[in-house]
Amino acid sequence: MGVIMKKEVPVSKANRLINSGNVIMVTSHYKDKSNIITIAWQTPVSIKPPALAIAVGKERFSLELIKKSGEFIVNIPNWDLLEPMLFCGTHSGRDIDKFKETKLTPEKAEKLIKTPRIKECIGSIECSVIDSIEVGDHIIFFGEILYAEAEEDLFKDGVWDTARAELIYHCGGTCFMKSSEYTKI
């Protein structure tokens, strides 16, 4: 084996060394406004109660909606939704209706009253905000999971069939990849 050389990674890009979670499309709603934001920074945080966390930039319109409503839905897109996912991550919902612009279908949630799911996504997780903290230029929302669903032929034995589900992963900047077949050990 040859010599392995390493190079310094600027701290502003260090998150890309671990930023390998799948991309999600978070829906929120308050009063007469619904929005979709694309997020790559998300993680499970608790089993009892079941909870997850999402990081939302302070300047984002979705931040206002989530703060005011106290709820959000994590929608899991697959590779077929790459273009709408990119649109929702690069345009603000302050002035446009992202559902209308992307032709995504808002669908009534199971537990939440106002926030819609995205019908075309292969899974969704409905959450009620249980806490939030400010970290630098983001707010981390902790959501208790109230309801979750996934396409039955793509989610089997408690895991995604990653070869068929084709989850979207953000590598950083304009680089994305899709999931491939996993190895069971």
C-alpha atoms as a PDB file:
ATOM      1  CA  MET A   1       0.000   0.000   0.000  1.00  0.00           C
ATOM      2  CA  GLY A   2       1.331   3.419  -0.977  1.00  0.00           C
ATOM      3  CA  VAL A   3       1.684   6.530   1.129  1.00  0.00           C
ATOM      4  CA  ILE A   4      -1.649   8.147   1.898  1.00  0.00           C
ATOM      5  CA  MET A   5      -1.529  11.908   1.620  1.00  0.00           C
ATOM      6  CA  LYS A   6      -4.091  14.075   3.336  1.00  0.00           C
ATOM      7  CA  LYS A   7      -4.826  17.725   2.808  1.00  0.00           C
ATOM      8  CA  GLU A   8      -6.372  20.330   5.048  1.00  0.00           C
ATOM      9  CA  VAL A   9     -10.060  20.987   4.465  1.00  0.00           C
ATOM     10  CA  PRO A  10     -11.216  24.549   5.210  1.00  0.00           C
ATOM     11  CA  VAL A  11     -13.432  24.546   8.320  1.00  0.00           C
ATOM     12  CA  SER A  12     -16.152  26.212   6.244  1.00  0.00           C
ATOM     13  CA  LYS A  13     -16.310  22.998   4.157  1.00  0.00           C
ATOM     14  CA  ALA A  14     -15.639  20.462   6.957  1.00  0.00           C
ATOM     15  CA  ASN A  15     -19.340  19.576   7.195  1.00  0.00           C
ATOM     16  CA  ARG A  16     -19.035  18.029   3.737  1.00  0.00           C
ATOM     17  CA  LEU A  17     -16.838  15.306   5.222  1.00  0.00           C
ATOM     18  CA  ILE A  18     -19.899  13.974   7.086  1.00  0.00           C
ATOM     19  CA  ASN A  19     -22.800  15.464   5.097  1.00  0.00           C
ATOM     20  CA  SER A  20     -23.941  12.150   3.674  1.00  0.00           C
ATOM     21  CA  GLY A  21     -27.524  11.909   4.894  1.00  0.00           C
ATOM     22  CA  ASN A  22     -30.262  11.764   2.307  1.00  0.00           C
ATOM     23  CA  VAL A  23     -31.857  14.999   1.132  1.00  0.00           C
ATOM     24  CA  ILE A  24     -35.322  15.766   2.460  1.00  0.00           C
ATOM     25  CA  MET A  25     -38.039  18.186   1.402  1.00  0.00           C
ATOM     26  CA  VAL A  26     -39.617  19.754   4.474  1.00  0.00           C
ATOM     27  CA  THR A  27     -43.141  21.108   4.214  1.00  0.00           C
ATOM     28  CA  SER A  28     -44.583  23.676   6.592  1.00  0.00           C
ATOM     29  CA  HIS A  29     -47.749  25.758   6.808  1.00  0.00           C
ATOM     30  CA  TYR A  30     -49.020  28.772   8.710  1.00  0.00           C
ATOM     31  CA  LYS A  31     -52.260  30.677   8.075  1.00  0.00           C
ATOM     32  CA  ASP A  32     -52.658  30.676   4.263  1.00  0.00           C
ATOM     33  CA  LYS A  33     -49.039  29.880   3.312  1.00  0.00           C
ATOM     34  CA  SER A  34     -47.501  26.476   2.639  1.00  0.00           C
ATOM     35  CA  ASN A  35     -43.862  26.012   1.715  1.00  0.00           C
ATOM     36  CA  ILE A  36     -41.293  23.383   0.751  1.00  0.00           C
ATOM     37  CA  ILE A  37     -37.621  23.701   1.700  1.00  0.00           C
ATOM     38  CA  THR A  38     -34.877  21.293   0.648  1.00  0.00           C
ATOM     39  CA  ILE A  39     -32.617  20.268   3.542  1.00  0.00           C
ATOM     40  CA  ALA A  40     -29.554  18.036   3.721  1.00  0.00           C
ATOM     41  CA  TRP A  41     -28.892  18.615   7.426  1.00  0.00           C
ATOM     42  CA  GLN A  42     -31.158  16.220   9.313  1.00  0.00           C
ATOM     43  CA  THR A  43     -30.707  13.423  11.823  1.00  0.00           C
ATOM     44  CA  PRO A  44     -32.573  11.054  14.134  1.00  0.00           C
ATOM     45  CA  VAL A  45     -32.079  12.157  17.769  1.00  0.00           C
ATOM     46  CA  SER A  46     -34.216   9.877  19.975  1.00  0.00           C
ATOM     47  CA  ILE A  47     -35.954   6.505  19.962  1.00  0.00           C
ATOM     48  CA  LYS A  48     -38.150   7.151  23.045  1.00  0.00           C
ATOM     49  CA  PRO A  49     -39.868   9.380  22.191  1.00  0.00           C
ATOM     50  CA  PRO A  50     -39.177   8.989  18.469  1.00  0.00           C
ATOM     51  CA  ALA A  51     -37.666  12.308  17.383  1.00  0.00           C
ATOM     52  CA  LEU A  52     -35.528  13.873  14.692  1.00  0.00           C
ATOM     53  CA  ALA A  53     -33.800  17.202  14.092  1.00  0.00           C
ATOM     54  CA  ILE A  54     -33.569  19.495  11.082  1.00  0.00           C
ATOM     55  CA  ALA A  55     -31.332  22.540  10.651  1.00  0.00           C
ATOM     56  CA  VAL A  56     -32.992  25.525   8.954  1.00  0.00           C
ATOM     57  CA  GLY A  57     -31.134  28.701   7.940  1.00  0.00           C
ATOM     58  CA  LYS A  58     -32.252  31.797   9.859  1.00  0.00           C
ATOM     59  CA  GLU A  59     -33.106  33.705   6.682  1.00  0.00           C
ATOM     60  CA  ARG A  60     -35.362  30.969   5.281  1.00  0.00           C
ATOM     61  CA  PHE A  61     -39.106  31.499   4.920  1.00  0.00           C
ATOM     62  CA  SER A  62     -39.792  27.981   6.245  1.00  0.00           C
ATOM     63  CA  LEU A  63     -38.164  28.989   9.533  1.00  0.00           C
ATOM     64  CA  GLU A  64     -40.966  31.508  10.134  1.00  0.00           C
ATOM     65  CA  LEU A  65     -43.680  28.991   9.234  1.00  0.00           C
ATOM     66  CA  ILE A  66     -42.257  26.240  11.467  1.00  0.00           C
ATOM     67  CA  LYS A  67     -41.753  28.627  14.390  1.00  0.00           C
ATOM     68  CA  LYS A  68     -45.322  29.939  14.157  1.00  0.00           C
ATOM     69  CA  SER A  69     -47.063  26.605  13.497  1.00  0.00           C
ATOM     70  CA  GLY A  70     -44.951  24.324  15.694  1.00  0.00           C
ATOM     71  CA  GLU A  71     -44.978  21.550  13.106  1.00  0.00           C
ATOM     72  CA  PHE A  72     -43.351  20.267   9.923  1.00  0.00           C
ATOM     73  CA  ILE A  73     -43.284  17.229   7.679  1.00  0.00           C
ATOM     74  CA  VAL A  74     -40.132  15.548   6.421  1.00  0.00           C
ATOM     75  CA  ASN A  75     -40.836  14.288   2.888  1.00  0.00           C
ATOM     76  CA  ILE A  76     -38.377  11.823   1.357  1.00  0.00           C
ATOM     77  CA  PRO A  77     -37.861  12.315  -2.390  1.00  0.00           C
ATOM     78  CA  ASN A  78     -36.235   9.855  -4.743  1.00  0.00           C
ATOM     79  CA  TRP A  79     -34.089  10.549  -7.798  1.00  0.00           C
ATOM     80  CA  ASP A  80     -37.189  11.129  -9.968  1.00  0.00           C
ATOM     81  CA  LEU A  81     -37.772  14.336  -7.964  1.00  0.00           C
ATOM     82  CA  LEU A  82     -34.262  15.759  -8.456  1.00  0.00           C
ATOM     83  CA  GLU A  83     -35.441  18.823 -10.424  1.00  0.00           C
ATOM     84  CA  PRO A  84     -38.269  19.845  -8.057  1.00  0.00           C
ATOM     85  CA  MET A  85     -35.920  19.188  -5.106  1.00  0.00           C
ATOM     86  CA  LEU A  86     -33.321  21.538  -6.626  1.00  0.00           C
ATOM     87  CA  PHE A  87     -35.971  24.191  -7.364  1.00  0.00           C
ATOM     88  CA  CYS A  88     -37.265  24.095  -3.776  1.00  0.00           C
ATOM     89  CA  GLY A  89     -33.712  24.441  -2.482  1.00  0.00           C
ATOM     90  CA  THR A  90     -32.834  27.445  -4.654  1.00  0.00           C
ATOM     91  CA  HIS A  91     -36.017  29.565  -4.577  1.00  0.00           C
ATOM     92  CA  SER A  92     -37.771  31.337  -1.719  1.00  0.00           C
ATOM     93  CA  GLY A  93     -41.372  30.573  -0.879  1.00  0.00           C
ATOM     94  CA  ARG A  94     -41.954  34.135   0.320  1.00  0.00           C
ATOM     95  CA  ASP A  95     -43.099  35.221  -3.132  1.00  0.00           C
ATOM     96  CA  ILE A  96     -43.956  32.001  -4.985  1.00  0.00           C
ATOM     97  CA  ASP A  97     -45.992  28.863  -4.396  1.00  0.00           C
ATOM     98  CA  LYS A  98     -43.473  26.040  -4.703  1.00  0.00           C
ATOM     99  CA  PHE A  99     -46.190  23.399  -4.985  1.00  0.00           C
ATOM    100  CA  LYS A 100     -47.602  25.217  -8.001  1.00  0.00           C
ATOM    101  CA  GLU A 101     -44.199  25.995  -9.587  1.00  0.00           C
ATOM    102  CA  THR A 102     -42.922  22.407  -9.266  1.00  0.00           C
ATOM    103  CA  LYS A 103     -46.283  20.731  -9.970  1.00  0.00           C
ATOM    104  CA  LEU A 104     -45.892  18.755  -6.732  1.00  0.00           C
ATOM    105  CA  THR A 105     -49.165  17.699  -5.114  1.00  0.00           C
ATOM    106  CA  PRO A 106     -50.011  18.808  -1.561  1.00  0.00           C
ATOM    107  CA  GLU A 107     -51.710  15.956   0.265  1.00  0.00           C
ATOM    108  CA  LYS A 108     -53.522  15.947   3.604  1.00  0.00           C
ATOM    109  CA  ALA A 109     -51.396  14.626   6.437  1.00  0.00           C
ATOM    110  CA  GLU A 110     -52.519  11.821   8.748  1.00  0.00           C
ATOM    111  CA  LYS A 111     -51.935  13.558  12.104  1.00  0.00           C
ATOM    112  CA  LEU A 112     -51.171  17.209  11.354  1.00  0.00           C
ATOM    113  CA  ILE A 113     -54.132  19.398  10.475  1.00  0.00           C
ATOM    114  CA  LYS A 114     -52.667  22.091   8.203  1.00  0.00           C
ATOM    115  CA  THR A 115     -49.197  21.091   6.967  1.00  0.00           C
ATOM    116  CA  PRO A 116     -49.403  19.085   3.726  1.00  0.00           C
ATOM    117  CA  ARG A 117     -47.316  16.097   2.680  1.00  0.00           C
ATOM    118  CA  ILE A 118     -45.859  15.859  -0.826  1.00  0.00           C
ATOM    119  CA  LYS A 119     -47.783  13.102  -2.623  1.00  0.00           C
ATOM    120  CA  GLU A 120     -44.952  12.301  -5.069  1.00  0.00           C
ATOM    121  CA  CYS A 121     -42.402  11.591  -2.295  1.00  0.00           C
ATOM    122  CA  ILE A 122     -41.706   7.966  -1.391  1.00  0.00           C
ATOM    123  CA  GLY A 123     -42.045   8.586   2.343  1.00  0.00           C
ATOM    124  CA  SER A 124     -42.971  11.171   4.938  1.00  0.00           C
ATOM    125  CA  ILE A 125     -42.546  11.816   8.658  1.00  0.00           C
ATOM    126  CA  GLU A 126     -45.001  14.121  10.448  1.00  0.00           C
ATOM    127  CA  CYS A 127     -43.469  16.034  13.359  1.00  0.00           C
ATOM    128  CA  SER A 128     -44.525  18.327  16.171  1.00  0.00           C
ATOM    129  CA  VAL A 129     -41.797  20.733  17.331  1.00  0.00           C
ATOM    130  CA  ILE A 130     -40.699  19.861  20.868  1.00  0.00           C
ATOM    131  CA  ASP A 131     -37.676  22.173  21.083  1.00  0.00           C
ATOM    132  CA  SER A 132     -35.356  24.385  19.074  1.00  0.00           C
ATOM    133  CA  ILE A 133     -31.917  25.858  19.561  1.00  0.00           C
ATOM    134  CA  GLU A 134     -29.934  28.500  17.733  1.00  0.00           C
ATOM    135  CA  VAL A 135     -26.539  27.428  16.424  1.00  0.00           C
ATOM    136  CA  GLY A 136     -24.713  30.085  14.408  1.00  0.00           C
ATOM    137  CA  ASP A 137     -26.703  30.925  11.283  1.00  0.00           C
ATOM    138  CA  HIS A 138     -29.205  28.057  11.720  1.00  0.00           C
ATOM    139  CA  ILE A 139     -32.033  27.041  14.041  1.00  0.00           C
ATOM    140  CA  ILE A 140     -32.201  23.353  14.863  1.00  0.00           C
ATOM    141  CA  PHE A 141     -35.774  22.156  15.283  1.00  0.00           C
ATOM    142  CA  PHE A 142     -36.381  18.966  17.217  1.00  0.00           C
ATOM    143  CA  GLY A 143     -39.557  17.229  16.120  1.00  0.00           C
ATOM    144  CA  GLU A 144     -41.400  14.438  17.872  1.00  0.00           C
ATOM    145  CA  ILE A 145     -42.491  11.939  15.237  1.00  0.00           C
ATOM    146  CA  LEU A 146     -46.281  11.583  15.250  1.00  0.00           C
ATOM    147  CA  TYR A 147     -46.721   9.517  12.092  1.00  0.00           C
ATOM    148  CA  ALA A 148     -44.510   8.057   9.360  1.00  0.00           C
ATOM    149  CA  GLU A 149     -45.178   6.270   6.081  1.00  0.00           C
ATOM    150  CA  ALA A 150     -43.222   4.863   3.144  1.00  0.00           C
ATOM    151  CA  GLU A 151     -43.970   3.165  -0.157  1.00  0.00           C
ATOM    152  CA  GLU A 152     -44.382  -0.451   0.876  1.00  0.00           C
ATOM    153  CA  ASP A 153     -42.438  -1.953  -2.039  1.00  0.00           C
ATOM    154  CA  LEU A 154     -39.450   0.341  -1.339  1.00  0.00           C
ATOM    155  CA  PHE A 155     -39.299   0.068   2.489  1.00  0.00           C
ATOM    156  CA  LYS A 156     -39.024  -3.533   3.658  1.00  0.00           C
ATOM    157  CA  ASP A 157     -38.048  -5.085   6.988  1.00  0.00           C
ATOM    158  CA  GLY A 158     -37.503  -1.615   8.461  1.00  0.00           C
ATOM    159  CA  VAL A 159     -35.041  -0.319   5.850  1.00  0.00           C
ATOM    160  CA  TRP A 160     -35.102   1.305   2.425  1.00  0.00           C
ATOM    161  CA  ASP A 161     -34.405  -0.941  -0.536  1.00  0.00           C
ATOM    162  CA  THR A 162     -31.690   1.541  -1.487  1.00  0.00           C
ATOM    163  CA  ALA A 163     -31.102   0.125  -4.963  1.00  0.00           C
ATOM    164  CA  ARG A 164     -34.750   0.638  -5.914  1.00  0.00           C
ATOM    165  CA  ALA A 165     -35.649   3.694  -3.791  1.00  0.00           C
ATOM    166  CA  GLU A 166     -32.816   5.801  -5.286  1.00  0.00           C
ATOM    167  CA  LEU A 167     -32.582   8.236  -2.371  1.00  0.00           C
ATOM    168  CA  ILE A 168     -30.894  11.574  -3.115  1.00  0.00           C
ATOM    169  CA  TYR A 169     -27.679  12.484  -1.283  1.00  0.00           C
ATOM    170  CA  HIS A 170     -26.062  15.925  -1.275  1.00  0.00           C
ATOM    171  CA  CYS A 171     -22.270  15.766  -1.415  1.00  0.00           C
ATOM    172  CA  GLY A 172     -21.821  19.553  -1.241  1.00  0.00           C
ATOM    173  CA  GLY A 173     -22.223  22.475  -3.624  1.00  0.00           C
ATOM    174  CA  THR A 174     -23.883  21.279  -6.822  1.00  0.00           C
ATOM    175  CA  CYS A 175     -22.855  17.629  -6.361  1.00  0.00           C
ATOM    176  CA  PHE A 176     -25.498  14.959  -5.728  1.00  0.00           C
ATOM    177  CA  MET A 177     -25.584  11.179  -5.872  1.00  0.00           C
ATOM    178  CA  LYS A 178     -28.254   8.513  -5.587  1.00  0.00           C
ATOM    179  CA  SER A 179     -28.318   5.499  -3.326  1.00  0.00           C
ATOM    180  CA  SER A 180     -27.165   2.118  -4.545  1.00  0.00           C
ATOM    181  CA  GLU A 181     -27.638  -1.397  -3.231  1.00  0.00           C
ATOM    182  CA  TYR A 182     -26.620  -1.859   0.395  1.00  0.00           C
ATOM    183  CA  THR A 183     -24.641  -4.750   1.860  1.00  0.00           C
ATOM    184  CA  LYS A 184     -26.208  -6.769   4.656  1.00  0.00           C
ATOM    185  CA  ILE A 185     -23.692  -8.008   7.203  1.00  0.00           C
END
